[in-house]
């Protein structure tokens, strides 16, 4: 996956900043030859390839409608030895129930949510028109680790885009009210081989008090002690300028 996607942001550094350009297909790992059903250390059996495709594509109901966003192909999906393992790690604990479900009836779960008017009323996923809040000068900054194994980063992106569309349009919302930041390699809120130290509090204070919208915030982290990168406001991403110290945020720009 890193071979396919890492360098698309201009720097081959173990982090995928241009996630939209990452179109990894696990079929490239299919076993070749006569014994295609046998997995080896260097290939995957067809059922394993199919399982990966299905898992990362996200759940659909029996009518083929997507009911939850896909999960990104990101550098932390196989993370181990951290507080929150990657989505591919077995035995990872879940924050919302049993760690393993042998089967899930997607139709039943979706119907239960849709049948409850109170659930739809209180579920903030449906609160997308924030015009009143923004009209009073309110600001919101979102962030999400791209390798979060519990909640897909695409779920936050999905909400952000729906919210912007219902609150005056992306251009207006981005200019005056809200920005979103994706953190490559990072798990749920922090951790992993990522740059997970950044200051969004100062960024939102500067926006509210001084009118300075955060185009980017600089991120560092103990996983890469000498490295810094800009986290660019969605839909932009950090891209290496082609010259300068590749470990320094100053050598990257938002594109």
C-alpha atoms as a PDB file:
ATOM      1  CA  UNK A   1       0.000   0.000   0.000  1.00  0.00           C
ATOM      2  CA  UNK A   2       2.829   2.387   0.864  1.00  0.00           C
ATOM      3  CA  UNK A   3       4.564   1.466  -2.385  1.00  0.00           C
ATOM      4  CA  UNK A   4       1.422   2.488  -4.245  1.00  0.00           C
ATOM      5  CA  UNK A   5       0.491   5.637  -2.315  1.00  0.00           C
ATOM      6  CA  UNK A   6       3.262   7.050  -0.145  1.00  0.00           C
ATOM      7  CA  UNK A   7       5.113   9.141  -2.740  1.00  0.00           C
ATOM      8  CA  UNK A   8       1.994  10.736  -4.257  1.00  0.00           C
ATOM      9  CA  UNK A   9       2.434  13.736  -1.941  1.00  0.00           C
ATOM     10  CA  UNK A  10       5.965  14.267  -3.267  1.00  0.00           C
ATOM     11  CA  UNK A  11       7.802  12.659  -0.353  1.00  0.00           C
ATOM     12  CA  UNK A  12       8.318   8.952   0.327  1.00  0.00           C
ATOM     13  CA  UNK A  13       8.327   9.114   4.109  1.00  0.00           C
ATOM     14  CA  UNK A  14       5.954   6.447   5.419  1.00  0.00           C
ATOM     15  CA  UNK A  15       2.984   8.855   5.634  1.00  0.00           C
ATOM     16  CA  UNK A  16       0.217   9.260   3.042  1.00  0.00           C
ATOM     17  CA  UNK A  17      -0.833  12.905   2.898  1.00  0.00           C
ATOM     18  CA  UNK A  18      -2.566  12.746  -0.485  1.00  0.00           C
ATOM     19  CA  UNK A  19      -5.203  10.241   0.581  1.00  0.00           C
ATOM     20  CA  UNK A  20      -7.549  11.041  -2.303  1.00  0.00           C
ATOM     21  CA  UNK A  21      -4.890   9.869  -4.760  1.00  0.00           C
ATOM     22  CA  UNK A  22      -4.462   6.549  -2.940  1.00  0.00           C
ATOM     23  CA  UNK A  23      -6.371   4.001  -4.996  1.00  0.00           C
ATOM     24  CA  UNK A  24      -4.771   0.887  -3.557  1.00  0.00           C
ATOM     25  CA  UNK A  25      -6.216  -2.428  -4.758  1.00  0.00           C
ATOM     26  CA  UNK A  26      -5.382  -5.452  -2.564  1.00  0.00           C
ATOM     27  CA  UNK A  27      -5.810  -7.659  -5.644  1.00  0.00           C
ATOM     28  CA  UNK A  28      -2.159  -6.848  -6.475  1.00  0.00           C
ATOM     29  CA  UNK A  29      -1.274  -9.146  -3.554  1.00  0.00           C
ATOM     30  CA  UNK A  30      -3.184 -12.153  -4.944  1.00  0.00           C
ATOM     31  CA  UNK A  31      -1.247 -15.413  -4.975  1.00  0.00           C
ATOM     32  CA  UNK A  32      -0.138 -16.510  -8.410  1.00  0.00           C
ATOM     33  CA  UNK A  33       0.428 -19.964  -9.812  1.00  0.00           C
ATOM     34  CA  UNK A  34      -1.390 -23.264  -9.357  1.00  0.00           C
ATOM     35  CA  UNK A  35      -2.096 -22.990  -5.633  1.00  0.00           C
ATOM     36  CA  UNK A  36      -3.916 -19.666  -5.565  1.00  0.00           C
ATOM     37  CA  UNK A  37      -5.911 -20.701  -2.491  1.00  0.00           C
ATOM     38  CA  UNK A  38      -2.767 -20.983  -0.386  1.00  0.00           C
ATOM     39  CA  UNK A  39      -1.602 -17.889   1.456  1.00  0.00           C
ATOM     40  CA  UNK A  40       2.140 -17.321   1.808  1.00  0.00           C
ATOM     41  CA  UNK A  41       4.130 -14.553   3.452  1.00  0.00           C
ATOM     42  CA  UNK A  42       4.251 -12.733   0.122  1.00  0.00           C
ATOM     43  CA  UNK A  43       0.695 -13.129  -1.183  1.00  0.00           C
ATOM     44  CA  UNK A  44      -2.968 -13.399  -0.214  1.00  0.00           C
ATOM     45  CA  UNK A  45      -5.523 -16.041  -1.119  1.00  0.00           C
ATOM     46  CA  UNK A  46      -8.550 -14.805  -3.132  1.00  0.00           C
ATOM     47  CA  UNK A  47     -10.937 -15.006  -0.122  1.00  0.00           C
ATOM     48  CA  UNK A  48      -8.560 -12.795   1.839  1.00  0.00           C
ATOM     49  CA  UNK A  49      -8.415 -10.243  -0.975  1.00  0.00           C
ATOM     50  CA  UNK A  50     -12.223 -10.221  -1.125  1.00  0.00           C
ATOM     51  CA  UNK A  51     -12.428  -9.790   2.659  1.00  0.00           C
ATOM     52  CA  UNK A  52     -10.091  -6.787   2.555  1.00  0.00           C
ATOM     53  CA  UNK A  53     -12.069  -5.163  -0.249  1.00  0.00           C
ATOM     54  CA  UNK A  54     -15.367  -5.703   1.554  1.00  0.00           C
ATOM     55  CA  UNK A  55     -14.089  -4.500   4.933  1.00  0.00           C
ATOM     56  CA  UNK A  56     -12.504  -1.292   3.672  1.00  0.00           C
ATOM     57  CA  UNK A  57     -15.461  -0.530   1.399  1.00  0.00           C
ATOM     58  CA  UNK A  58     -17.742  -0.136   4.432  1.00  0.00           C
ATOM     59  CA  UNK A  59     -21.113  -1.780   5.111  1.00  0.00           C
ATOM     60  CA  UNK A  60     -24.006  -1.731   2.663  1.00  0.00           C
ATOM     61  CA  UNK A  61     -27.589  -2.833   3.133  1.00  0.00           C
ATOM     62  CA  UNK A  62     -29.284  -5.560   1.110  1.00  0.00           C
ATOM     63  CA  UNK A  63     -30.276  -2.969  -1.513  1.00  0.00           C
ATOM     64  CA  UNK A  64     -26.626  -2.093  -2.090  1.00  0.00           C
ATOM     65  CA  UNK A  65     -26.896   1.325  -0.419  1.00  0.00           C
ATOM     66  CA  UNK A  66     -23.861   2.502   1.549  1.00  0.00           C
ATOM     67  CA  UNK A  67     -24.856   2.895   5.217  1.00  0.00           C
ATOM     68  CA  UNK A  68     -21.435   3.894   6.581  1.00  0.00           C
ATOM     69  CA  UNK A  69     -18.426   5.354   4.733  1.00  0.00           C
ATOM     70  CA  UNK A  70     -15.434   3.281   3.612  1.00  0.00           C
ATOM     71  CA  UNK A  71     -12.221   3.175   5.646  1.00  0.00           C
ATOM     72  CA  UNK A  72      -9.121   4.844   4.159  1.00  0.00           C
ATOM     73  CA  UNK A  73      -6.065   2.922   3.045  1.00  0.00           C
ATOM     74  CA  UNK A  74      -3.522   4.539   5.360  1.00  0.00           C
ATOM     75  CA  UNK A  75      -0.127   3.812   6.872  1.00  0.00           C
ATOM     76  CA  UNK A  76      -1.520   2.903  10.318  1.00  0.00           C
ATOM     77  CA  UNK A  77      -4.067   0.264   9.342  1.00  0.00           C
ATOM     78  CA  UNK A  78      -1.744  -2.529  10.547  1.00  0.00           C
ATOM     79  CA  UNK A  79      -0.343  -0.673  13.588  1.00  0.00           C
ATOM     80  CA  UNK A  80       0.574  -2.888  16.554  1.00  0.00           C
ATOM     81  CA  UNK A  81       2.133  -2.201  19.930  1.00  0.00           C
ATOM     82  CA  UNK A  82       0.148   1.030  20.371  1.00  0.00           C
ATOM     83  CA  UNK A  83      -2.761   1.882  22.661  1.00  0.00           C
ATOM     84  CA  UNK A  84      -5.243   1.527  19.801  1.00  0.00           C
ATOM     85  CA  UNK A  85      -4.151  -1.046  17.182  1.00  0.00           C
ATOM     86  CA  UNK A  86      -4.906  -0.576  13.499  1.00  0.00           C
ATOM     87  CA  UNK A  87      -8.062  -1.890  11.893  1.00  0.00           C
ATOM     88  CA  UNK A  88      -6.223  -4.935  10.504  1.00  0.00           C
ATOM     89  CA  UNK A  89      -4.871  -6.013  13.896  1.00  0.00           C
ATOM     90  CA  UNK A  90      -6.733  -8.926  15.431  1.00  0.00           C
ATOM     91  CA  UNK A  91      -8.133  -8.761  18.932  1.00  0.00           C
ATOM     92  CA  UNK A  92      -8.364  -4.963  19.015  1.00  0.00           C
ATOM     93  CA  UNK A  93     -10.852  -3.749  21.612  1.00  0.00           C
ATOM     94  CA  UNK A  94     -13.980  -1.894  20.592  1.00  0.00           C
ATOM     95  CA  UNK A  95     -15.416   1.181  22.335  1.00  0.00           C
ATOM     96  CA  UNK A  96     -19.020   0.317  21.510  1.00  0.00           C
ATOM     97  CA  UNK A  97     -19.627  -3.332  22.236  1.00  0.00           C
ATOM     98  CA  UNK A  98     -18.191  -6.819  21.730  1.00  0.00           C
ATOM     99  CA  UNK A  99     -14.794  -6.929  20.009  1.00  0.00           C
ATOM    100  CA  UNK A 100     -16.008  -9.480  17.467  1.00  0.00           C
ATOM    101  CA  UNK A 101     -19.360 -10.008  15.786  1.00  0.00           C
ATOM    102  CA  UNK A 102     -19.621 -13.217  13.815  1.00  0.00           C
ATOM    103  CA  UNK A 103     -22.375 -11.656  11.731  1.00  0.00           C
ATOM    104  CA  UNK A 104     -24.119  -8.284  11.436  1.00  0.00           C
ATOM    105  CA  UNK A 105     -27.601  -7.733  10.056  1.00  0.00           C
ATOM    106  CA  UNK A 106     -27.066  -4.318   8.453  1.00  0.00           C
ATOM    107  CA  UNK A 107     -30.713  -3.999   7.350  1.00  0.00           C
ATOM    108  CA  UNK A 108     -31.952  -4.630  10.881  1.00  0.00           C
ATOM    109  CA  UNK A 109     -29.594  -2.094  12.445  1.00  0.00           C
ATOM    110  CA  UNK A 110     -30.405   0.541   9.831  1.00  0.00           C
ATOM    111  CA  UNK A 111     -34.164  -0.004  10.159  1.00  0.00           C
ATOM    112  CA  UNK A 112     -33.957   0.309  13.943  1.00  0.00           C
ATOM    113  CA  UNK A 113     -32.234   3.702  13.663  1.00  0.00           C
ATOM    114  CA  UNK A 114     -34.584   4.991  10.966  1.00  0.00           C
ATOM    115  CA  UNK A 115     -37.657   3.881  12.899  1.00  0.00           C
ATOM    116  CA  UNK A 116     -36.795   6.011  15.902  1.00  0.00           C
ATOM    117  CA  UNK A 117     -37.784   9.629  15.480  1.00  0.00           C
ATOM    118  CA  UNK A 118     -36.136  10.484  18.805  1.00  0.00           C
ATOM    119  CA  UNK A 119     -32.874   8.941  17.641  1.00  0.00           C
ATOM    120  CA  UNK A 120     -32.860  11.031  14.482  1.00  0.00           C
ATOM    121  CA  UNK A 121     -33.758  14.121  16.533  1.00  0.00           C
ATOM    122  CA  UNK A 122     -30.930  13.685  19.030  1.00  0.00           C
ATOM    123  CA  UNK A 123     -28.284  12.199  16.703  1.00  0.00           C
ATOM    124  CA  UNK A 124     -25.885  15.023  15.844  1.00  0.00           C
ATOM    125  CA  UNK A 125     -24.997  13.358  12.545  1.00  0.00           C
ATOM    126  CA  UNK A 126     -28.217  14.900  11.245  1.00  0.00           C
ATOM    127  CA  UNK A 127     -27.479  18.388  12.616  1.00  0.00           C
ATOM    128  CA  UNK A 128     -26.029  19.831   9.436  1.00  0.00           C
ATOM    129  CA  UNK A 129     -27.550  23.315   9.213  1.00  0.00           C
ATOM    130  CA  UNK A 130     -25.361  25.360  11.550  1.00  0.00           C
ATOM    131  CA  UNK A 131     -26.209  28.714   9.964  1.00  0.00           C
ATOM    132  CA  UNK A 132     -27.514  30.186  13.242  1.00  0.00           C
ATOM    133  CA  UNK A 133     -24.339  29.254  15.111  1.00  0.00           C
ATOM    134  CA  UNK A 134     -22.070  30.465  12.336  1.00  0.00           C
ATOM    135  CA  UNK A 135     -24.168  33.618  11.958  1.00  0.00           C
ATOM    136  CA  UNK A 136     -23.244  34.573  15.526  1.00  0.00           C
ATOM    137  CA  UNK A 137     -19.556  34.201  14.714  1.00  0.00           C
ATOM    138  CA  UNK A 138     -19.149  30.631  15.940  1.00  0.00           C
ATOM    139  CA  UNK A 139     -16.182  28.609  14.659  1.00  0.00           C
ATOM    140  CA  UNK A 140     -15.625  24.842  14.560  1.00  0.00           C
ATOM    141  CA  UNK A 141     -12.393  22.969  13.874  1.00  0.00           C
ATOM    142  CA  UNK A 142     -12.582  19.231  13.176  1.00  0.00           C
ATOM    143  CA  UNK A 143      -9.713  16.742  13.167  1.00  0.00           C
ATOM    144  CA  UNK A 144      -9.565  12.991  12.584  1.00  0.00           C
ATOM    145  CA  UNK A 145      -6.784  10.414  12.431  1.00  0.00           C
ATOM    146  CA  UNK A 146      -6.828   8.803   9.000  1.00  0.00           C
ATOM    147  CA  UNK A 147      -5.923   5.421  10.543  1.00  0.00           C
ATOM    148  CA  UNK A 148      -8.657   5.570  13.201  1.00  0.00           C
ATOM    149  CA  UNK A 149      -9.868   1.939  13.433  1.00  0.00           C
ATOM    150  CA  UNK A 150     -13.071   2.767  15.335  1.00  0.00           C
ATOM    151  CA  UNK A 151     -14.607   5.532  13.242  1.00  0.00           C
ATOM    152  CA  UNK A 152     -13.655   6.152   9.631  1.00  0.00           C
ATOM    153  CA  UNK A 153     -12.046   9.502   8.842  1.00  0.00           C
ATOM    154  CA  UNK A 154     -14.349   9.523   5.819  1.00  0.00           C
ATOM    155  CA  UNK A 155     -17.268   9.703   8.276  1.00  0.00           C
ATOM    156  CA  UNK A 156     -16.025  13.072   9.539  1.00  0.00           C
ATOM    157  CA  UNK A 157     -15.367  14.223   5.966  1.00  0.00           C
ATOM    158  CA  UNK A 158     -18.889  13.131   5.019  1.00  0.00           C
ATOM    159  CA  UNK A 159     -20.397  15.142   7.878  1.00  0.00           C
ATOM    160  CA  UNK A 160     -18.212  18.167   7.143  1.00  0.00           C
ATOM    161  CA  UNK A 161     -19.255  18.233   3.490  1.00  0.00           C
ATOM    162  CA  UNK A 162     -22.961  17.791   4.331  1.00  0.00           C
ATOM    163  CA  UNK A 163     -22.738  20.457   7.020  1.00  0.00           C
ATOM    164  CA  UNK A 164     -21.027  22.899   4.661  1.00  0.00           C
ATOM    165  CA  UNK A 165     -23.608  22.299   1.919  1.00  0.00           C
ATOM    166  CA  UNK A 166     -26.466  22.993   4.362  1.00  0.00           C
ATOM    167  CA  UNK A 167     -24.805  26.006   5.995  1.00  0.00           C
ATOM    168  CA  UNK A 168     -24.131  28.263   3.025  1.00  0.00           C
ATOM    169  CA  UNK A 169     -21.798  26.192   0.867  1.00  0.00           C
ATOM    170  CA  UNK A 170     -18.241  24.909   1.252  1.00  0.00           C
ATOM    171  CA  UNK A 171     -16.561  28.111   0.083  1.00  0.00           C
ATOM    172  CA  UNK A 172     -18.418  30.310   2.575  1.00  0.00           C
ATOM    173  CA  UNK A 173     -18.113  27.881   5.489  1.00  0.00           C
ATOM    174  CA  UNK A 174     -14.409  27.343   4.886  1.00  0.00           C
ATOM    175  CA  UNK A 175     -13.771  31.070   4.621  1.00  0.00           C
ATOM    176  CA  UNK A 176     -15.679  32.207   7.689  1.00  0.00           C
ATOM    177  CA  UNK A 177     -16.656  29.368  10.012  1.00  0.00           C
ATOM    178  CA  UNK A 178     -15.134  25.895   9.929  1.00  0.00           C
ATOM    179  CA  UNK A 179     -12.075  23.938   8.878  1.00  0.00           C
ATOM    180  CA  UNK A 180     -11.272  20.216   9.016  1.00  0.00           C
ATOM    181  CA  UNK A 181      -7.861  18.565   9.389  1.00  0.00           C
ATOM    182  CA  UNK A 182      -6.948  14.952   8.593  1.00  0.00           C
ATOM    183  CA  UNK A 183      -3.916  13.416  10.326  1.00  0.00           C
ATOM    184  CA  UNK A 184      -2.195  10.653   8.299  1.00  0.00           C
ATOM    185  CA  UNK A 185      -1.142   7.562  10.228  1.00  0.00           C
ATOM    186  CA  UNK A 186      -2.884   8.600  13.443  1.00  0.00           C
ATOM    187  CA  UNK A 187      -5.325   6.321  15.247  1.00  0.00           C
ATOM    188  CA  UNK A 188      -8.280   7.346  17.407  1.00  0.00           C
ATOM    189  CA  UNK A 189      -7.516  10.888  18.687  1.00  0.00           C
ATOM    190  CA  UNK A 190      -3.756  10.160  18.965  1.00  0.00           C
ATOM    191  CA  UNK A 191      -1.061   7.455  18.827  1.00  0.00           C
ATOM    192  CA  UNK A 192       0.554   5.422  16.096  1.00  0.00           C
ATOM    193  CA  UNK A 193       3.427   6.139  13.710  1.00  0.00           C
ATOM    194  CA  UNK A 194       2.108   9.626  13.087  1.00  0.00           C
ATOM    195  CA  UNK A 195       2.606  13.310  13.787  1.00  0.00           C
ATOM    196  CA  UNK A 196      -0.051  13.558  16.483  1.00  0.00           C
ATOM    197  CA  UNK A 197       1.044  16.682  18.364  1.00  0.00           C
ATOM    198  CA  UNK A 198      -0.587  19.892  17.107  1.00  0.00           C
ATOM    199  CA  UNK A 199      -2.353  22.912  18.582  1.00  0.00           C
ATOM    200  CA  UNK A 200      -5.884  23.481  17.287  1.00  0.00           C
ATOM    201  CA  UNK A 201      -6.891  25.435  20.390  1.00  0.00           C
ATOM    202  CA  UNK A 202      -4.584  28.336  19.538  1.00  0.00           C
ATOM    203  CA  UNK A 203      -5.739  28.079  15.932  1.00  0.00           C
ATOM    204  CA  UNK A 204      -9.423  28.527  16.805  1.00  0.00           C
ATOM    205  CA  UNK A 205      -8.628  31.305  19.309  1.00  0.00           C
ATOM    206  CA  UNK A 206      -6.666  33.180  16.619  1.00  0.00           C
ATOM    207  CA  UNK A 207      -9.595  32.759  14.233  1.00  0.00           C
ATOM    208  CA  UNK A 208     -12.208  33.989  16.734  1.00  0.00           C
ATOM    209  CA  UNK A 209     -10.200  36.829  18.240  1.00  0.00           C
ATOM    210  CA  UNK A 210      -8.012  37.973  15.330  1.00  0.00           C
ATOM    211  CA  UNK A 211      -9.937  36.784  12.267  1.00  0.00           C
ATOM    212  CA  UNK A 212      -7.022  34.597  11.141  1.00  0.00           C
ATOM    213  CA  UNK A 213      -8.393  31.399   9.612  1.00  0.00           C
ATOM    214  CA  UNK A 214      -6.034  28.391   9.985  1.00  0.00           C
ATOM    215  CA  UNK A 215      -4.946  27.289   6.516  1.00  0.00           C
ATOM    216  CA  UNK A 216      -2.614  24.803   8.212  1.00  0.00           C
ATOM    217  CA  UNK A 217      -1.264  23.828  11.623  1.00  0.00           C
ATOM    218  CA  UNK A 218       2.190  22.352  12.193  1.00  0.00           C
ATOM    219  CA  UNK A 219       2.286  18.804  13.531  1.00  0.00           C
ATOM    220  CA  UNK A 220       5.108  16.913  15.232  1.00  0.00           C
ATOM    221  CA  UNK A 221       5.229  13.666  17.189  1.00  0.00           C
ATOM    222  CA  UNK A 222       7.449  11.282  19.146  1.00  0.00           C
ATOM    223  CA  UNK A 223       7.210   8.667  16.388  1.00  0.00           C
ATOM    224  CA  UNK A 224       9.307  10.953  14.156  1.00  0.00           C
ATOM    225  CA  UNK A 225      11.399  13.082  16.559  1.00  0.00           C
ATOM    226  CA  UNK A 226      13.025  15.334  13.935  1.00  0.00           C
ATOM    227  CA  UNK A 227      10.032  15.694  11.609  1.00  0.00           C
ATOM    228  CA  UNK A 228       7.345  18.342  11.212  1.00  0.00           C
ATOM    229  CA  UNK A 229       4.579  18.667   8.659  1.00  0.00           C
ATOM    230  CA  UNK A 230       1.732  21.073   7.980  1.00  0.00           C
ATOM    231  CA  UNK A 231      -1.741  19.633   8.470  1.00  0.00           C
ATOM    232  CA  UNK A 232      -3.662  21.418   5.734  1.00  0.00           C
ATOM    233  CA  UNK A 233      -7.306  22.403   5.965  1.00  0.00           C
ATOM    234  CA  UNK A 234      -9.483  19.965   3.986  1.00  0.00           C
ATOM    235  CA  UNK A 235      -9.707  19.445   1.042  1.00  0.00           C
ATOM    236  CA  UNK A 236      -6.052  20.473   0.687  1.00  0.00           C
ATOM    237  CA  UNK A 237      -3.125  18.281   1.713  1.00  0.00           C
ATOM    238  CA  UNK A 238       0.573  18.789   2.416  1.00  0.00           C
ATOM    239  CA  UNK A 239       2.823  18.374  -0.608  1.00  0.00           C
ATOM    240  CA  UNK A 240       6.620  18.489  -0.756  1.00  0.00           C
ATOM    241  CA  UNK A 241       7.853  21.515  -2.708  1.00  0.00           C
ATOM    242  CA  UNK A 242      10.594  19.461  -4.348  1.00  0.00           C
ATOM    243  CA  UNK A 243      13.437  21.149  -2.525  1.00  0.00           C
ATOM    244  CA  UNK A 244      14.470  21.833   1.033  1.00  0.00           C
ATOM    245  CA  UNK A 245      14.744  19.611   4.084  1.00  0.00           C
ATOM    246  CA  UNK A 246      12.110  16.869   3.658  1.00  0.00           C
ATOM    247  CA  UNK A 247      11.857  16.608   7.453  1.00  0.00           C
ATOM    248  CA  UNK A 248      10.785  20.248   7.839  1.00  0.00           C
ATOM    249  CA  UNK A 249       7.249  21.622   7.532  1.00  0.00           C
ATOM    250  CA  UNK A 250       8.727  24.652   5.748  1.00  0.00           C
ATOM    251  CA  UNK A 251       9.505  22.437   2.736  1.00  0.00           C
ATOM    252  CA  UNK A 252       5.821  21.581   2.241  1.00  0.00           C
ATOM    253  CA  UNK A 253       2.862  23.541   0.923  1.00  0.00           C
ATOM    254  CA  UNK A 254      -0.885  23.027   0.951  1.00  0.00           C
ATOM    255  CA  UNK A 255      -2.314  21.897  -2.386  1.00  0.00           C
END
